[in-house]
N, C-alpha and C. Protein backbone atom coordinates (compact mmCIF):
# COMPACT_ATOMS: atom_id res chain seq x y z
N MET A 1 117.83 83.06 -112.44
CA MET A 1 118.12 83.54 -113.78
C MET A 1 116.96 84.41 -114.28
N LEU A 2 117.31 85.46 -114.94
CA LEU A 2 116.32 86.33 -115.58
C LEU A 2 116.39 86.13 -117.09
N ALA A 3 115.24 86.16 -117.74
CA ALA A 3 115.20 86.03 -119.19
C ALA A 3 115.34 87.40 -119.83
N ILE A 4 116.09 87.45 -120.92
CA ILE A 4 116.14 88.64 -121.76
C ILE A 4 115.30 88.33 -122.98
N ARG A 5 114.31 89.20 -123.25
CA ARG A 5 113.45 88.98 -124.41
C ARG A 5 112.99 90.32 -124.95
N LEU A 6 112.45 90.30 -126.15
CA LEU A 6 111.90 91.50 -126.76
C LEU A 6 110.60 91.84 -126.03
N ALA A 7 110.48 93.07 -125.57
CA ALA A 7 109.32 93.50 -124.78
C ALA A 7 108.01 93.25 -125.52
N ASP A 8 106.99 92.81 -124.78
CA ASP A 8 105.68 92.51 -125.36
C ASP A 8 105.10 93.69 -126.13
N GLU A 9 105.32 94.92 -125.63
CA GLU A 9 104.74 96.07 -126.32
C GLU A 9 105.30 96.26 -127.73
N MET A 10 106.48 95.72 -128.01
CA MET A 10 107.05 95.81 -129.36
C MET A 10 106.27 94.95 -130.35
N TRP A 11 105.56 93.96 -129.84
CA TRP A 11 104.80 93.04 -130.69
C TRP A 11 103.38 93.53 -130.95
N GLU A 12 102.95 94.62 -130.28
CA GLU A 12 101.58 95.11 -130.46
C GLU A 12 101.34 95.49 -131.91
N GLY A 13 100.23 95.03 -132.46
CA GLY A 13 99.87 95.32 -133.83
C GLY A 13 100.56 94.45 -134.86
N VAL A 14 101.42 93.54 -134.40
CA VAL A 14 102.13 92.63 -135.30
C VAL A 14 101.27 91.40 -135.51
N GLU A 15 101.15 90.99 -136.76
CA GLU A 15 100.34 89.83 -137.11
C GLU A 15 100.80 88.58 -136.36
N PRO A 16 99.86 87.79 -135.82
CA PRO A 16 100.25 86.54 -135.15
C PRO A 16 101.07 85.65 -136.08
N GLY A 17 102.07 85.00 -135.52
CA GLY A 17 102.92 84.12 -136.30
C GLY A 17 104.14 84.82 -136.90
N THR A 18 104.17 86.14 -136.83
CA THR A 18 105.31 86.89 -137.37
C THR A 18 106.53 86.65 -136.48
N GLU A 19 107.68 86.52 -137.10
CA GLU A 19 108.92 86.34 -136.35
C GLU A 19 109.83 87.55 -136.53
N ALA A 20 110.66 87.78 -135.54
CA ALA A 20 111.67 88.84 -135.59
C ALA A 20 113.02 88.19 -135.91
N LEU A 21 113.96 88.99 -136.36
CA LEU A 21 115.31 88.53 -136.67
C LEU A 21 116.27 89.09 -135.63
N LEU A 22 117.05 88.23 -135.01
CA LEU A 22 118.09 88.71 -134.10
C LEU A 22 119.26 89.13 -134.99
N ASP A 23 119.40 90.43 -135.20
CA ASP A 23 120.38 90.97 -136.14
C ASP A 23 121.81 90.82 -135.61
N GLU A 24 122.04 91.25 -134.36
CA GLU A 24 123.38 91.10 -133.79
C GLU A 24 123.34 91.19 -132.27
N TRP A 25 124.25 90.46 -131.66
CA TRP A 25 124.47 90.57 -130.22
C TRP A 25 125.52 91.64 -129.98
N LEU A 26 125.31 92.48 -129.00
CA LEU A 26 126.27 93.51 -128.62
C LEU A 26 127.12 93.06 -127.44
N VAL A 27 126.81 91.87 -126.91
CA VAL A 27 127.54 91.27 -125.79
C VAL A 27 127.78 89.80 -126.12
N LYS A 28 128.60 89.17 -125.29
CA LYS A 28 128.82 87.73 -125.46
C LYS A 28 128.61 87.05 -124.11
N GLU A 29 128.49 85.74 -124.12
CA GLU A 29 128.32 84.99 -122.87
C GLU A 29 129.47 85.32 -121.94
N GLY A 30 129.15 85.54 -120.66
CA GLY A 30 130.14 85.86 -119.66
C GLY A 30 130.31 87.35 -119.41
N ASP A 31 129.81 88.19 -120.34
CA ASP A 31 129.92 89.64 -120.16
C ASP A 31 129.04 90.10 -119.01
N THR A 32 129.50 91.11 -118.29
CA THR A 32 128.72 91.76 -117.24
C THR A 32 128.02 92.96 -117.86
N VAL A 33 126.72 93.11 -117.56
CA VAL A 33 125.93 94.22 -118.11
C VAL A 33 125.23 94.98 -116.99
N SER A 34 124.81 96.19 -117.30
CA SER A 34 124.06 97.03 -116.38
C SER A 34 122.60 97.03 -116.79
N ALA A 35 121.70 97.31 -115.85
CA ALA A 35 120.27 97.41 -116.16
C ALA A 35 120.08 98.47 -117.23
N GLY A 36 119.32 98.14 -118.26
CA GLY A 36 119.02 99.07 -119.33
C GLY A 36 120.07 99.13 -120.43
N GLN A 37 121.17 98.43 -120.26
CA GLN A 37 122.23 98.42 -121.27
C GLN A 37 121.75 97.68 -122.51
N PRO A 38 121.92 98.24 -123.72
CA PRO A 38 121.58 97.49 -124.93
C PRO A 38 122.45 96.24 -125.05
N VAL A 39 121.81 95.10 -125.33
CA VAL A 39 122.55 93.85 -125.44
C VAL A 39 122.40 93.21 -126.82
N ALA A 40 121.37 93.61 -127.58
CA ALA A 40 121.16 93.02 -128.90
C ALA A 40 120.35 93.97 -129.76
N ASN A 41 120.48 93.80 -131.07
CA ASN A 41 119.65 94.50 -132.05
C ASN A 41 118.80 93.46 -132.76
N VAL A 42 117.51 93.75 -132.86
CA VAL A 42 116.60 92.86 -133.58
C VAL A 42 115.85 93.66 -134.63
N VAL A 43 115.34 92.95 -135.63
CA VAL A 43 114.52 93.56 -136.68
C VAL A 43 113.16 92.90 -136.62
N LEU A 44 112.12 93.74 -136.48
CA LEU A 44 110.74 93.26 -136.43
C LEU A 44 109.93 94.10 -137.39
N VAL A 45 109.39 93.48 -138.41
CA VAL A 45 108.58 94.16 -139.43
C VAL A 45 109.29 95.43 -139.91
N LYS A 46 110.49 95.27 -140.39
CA LYS A 46 111.30 96.33 -140.99
C LYS A 46 111.71 97.44 -140.03
N ALA A 47 111.53 97.25 -138.73
CA ALA A 47 111.97 98.22 -137.73
C ALA A 47 113.12 97.63 -136.94
N SER A 48 114.18 98.39 -136.77
CA SER A 48 115.32 97.96 -135.97
C SER A 48 115.08 98.38 -134.52
N ILE A 49 115.24 97.44 -133.59
CA ILE A 49 114.93 97.68 -132.17
C ILE A 49 116.10 97.19 -131.32
N GLU A 50 116.48 97.98 -130.31
CA GLU A 50 117.48 97.54 -129.35
C GLU A 50 116.80 96.79 -128.23
N VAL A 51 117.38 95.68 -127.83
CA VAL A 51 116.92 94.92 -126.67
C VAL A 51 117.88 95.25 -125.54
N SER A 52 117.34 95.63 -124.37
CA SER A 52 118.17 96.02 -123.23
C SER A 52 118.09 94.98 -122.12
N ALA A 53 119.12 94.96 -121.30
CA ALA A 53 119.14 94.08 -120.13
C ALA A 53 118.08 94.54 -119.13
N PRO A 54 117.28 93.61 -118.59
CA PRO A 54 116.26 93.99 -117.62
C PRO A 54 116.83 94.33 -116.25
N ALA A 55 118.07 93.93 -116.01
CA ALA A 55 118.74 94.16 -114.72
C ALA A 55 120.23 94.00 -114.93
N GLY A 56 121.01 94.38 -113.92
CA GLY A 56 122.44 94.15 -113.99
C GLY A 56 122.76 92.68 -113.74
N GLY A 57 123.88 92.23 -114.23
CA GLY A 57 124.28 90.85 -114.01
C GLY A 57 125.23 90.37 -115.09
N ARG A 58 125.31 89.07 -115.22
CA ARG A 58 126.22 88.44 -116.19
C ARG A 58 125.40 87.67 -117.21
N ILE A 59 125.76 87.82 -118.49
CA ILE A 59 125.10 87.05 -119.54
C ILE A 59 125.52 85.60 -119.37
N ALA A 60 124.61 84.77 -118.89
CA ALA A 60 124.93 83.37 -118.59
C ALA A 60 124.86 82.51 -119.85
N ARG A 61 123.87 82.79 -120.70
CA ARG A 61 123.70 81.94 -121.88
C ARG A 61 122.92 82.69 -122.94
N ILE A 62 123.40 82.64 -124.17
CA ILE A 62 122.68 83.18 -125.31
C ILE A 62 121.89 82.03 -125.93
N LEU A 63 120.58 82.21 -126.03
CA LEU A 63 119.70 81.14 -126.50
C LEU A 63 119.33 81.26 -127.98
N VAL A 64 119.36 82.48 -128.52
CA VAL A 64 119.04 82.70 -129.93
C VAL A 64 120.28 83.33 -130.57
N PRO A 65 120.94 82.61 -131.46
CA PRO A 65 122.14 83.16 -132.08
C PRO A 65 121.80 84.27 -133.08
N ALA A 66 122.78 85.10 -133.37
CA ALA A 66 122.61 86.14 -134.39
C ALA A 66 122.21 85.49 -135.71
N ALA A 67 121.38 86.19 -136.47
CA ALA A 67 120.88 85.77 -137.79
C ALA A 67 119.77 84.72 -137.70
N GLU A 68 119.31 84.40 -136.48
CA GLU A 68 118.20 83.45 -136.32
C GLU A 68 116.92 84.23 -136.03
N THR A 69 115.78 83.67 -136.43
CA THR A 69 114.50 84.30 -136.15
C THR A 69 113.90 83.72 -134.87
N PHE A 70 112.98 84.49 -134.28
CA PHE A 70 112.31 84.05 -133.06
C PHE A 70 110.92 84.65 -133.00
N GLY A 71 110.05 83.98 -132.25
CA GLY A 71 108.68 84.44 -132.10
C GLY A 71 108.45 85.18 -130.79
N ARG A 72 107.26 85.73 -130.67
CA ARG A 72 106.86 86.49 -129.48
C ARG A 72 107.00 85.62 -128.22
N GLY A 73 107.59 86.20 -127.17
CA GLY A 73 107.71 85.53 -125.89
C GLY A 73 108.91 84.62 -125.74
N ARG A 74 109.70 84.45 -126.79
CA ARG A 74 110.86 83.56 -126.70
C ARG A 74 112.00 84.24 -125.94
N ASP A 75 112.63 83.51 -125.03
CA ASP A 75 113.81 84.01 -124.32
C ASP A 75 114.96 84.09 -125.29
N LEU A 76 115.65 85.23 -125.31
CA LEU A 76 116.80 85.41 -126.19
C LEU A 76 118.10 85.04 -125.50
N ALA A 77 118.15 85.28 -124.20
CA ALA A 77 119.34 84.97 -123.40
C ALA A 77 118.93 84.87 -121.94
N LEU A 78 119.82 84.33 -121.13
CA LEU A 78 119.60 84.24 -119.68
C LEU A 78 120.63 85.11 -118.99
N LEU A 79 120.15 85.87 -118.00
CA LEU A 79 120.97 86.80 -117.25
C LEU A 79 121.05 86.32 -115.80
N GLU A 80 122.27 86.20 -115.32
CA GLU A 80 122.49 85.77 -113.92
C GLU A 80 122.72 87.02 -113.07
N PRO A 81 121.80 87.30 -112.14
CA PRO A 81 121.98 88.48 -111.28
C PRO A 81 123.23 88.35 -110.43
N PRO A 82 123.80 89.47 -109.97
CA PRO A 82 124.99 89.40 -109.12
C PRO A 82 124.70 88.67 -107.80
N GLY A 83 125.74 88.06 -107.28
CA GLY A 83 125.60 87.37 -105.99
C GLY A 83 125.24 85.98 -106.20
């Protein structure tokens, strides 16, 4: 399983302890995605950011529901590679 998370570079310059908001999922559990495909929109310090799939595969599990906040390094979903 691969983790889908907000890239570390998006957190640069953000105060420690700050959380982002998972605004909406663009996919649901069981959907097949391609590498680089946008899968979610998040808001971090008033900036809207797209989160993309790190690889192709199937969304196995969404760990952070829409409208919930999360901190740096938290897995947002799990991606099951093909095969």
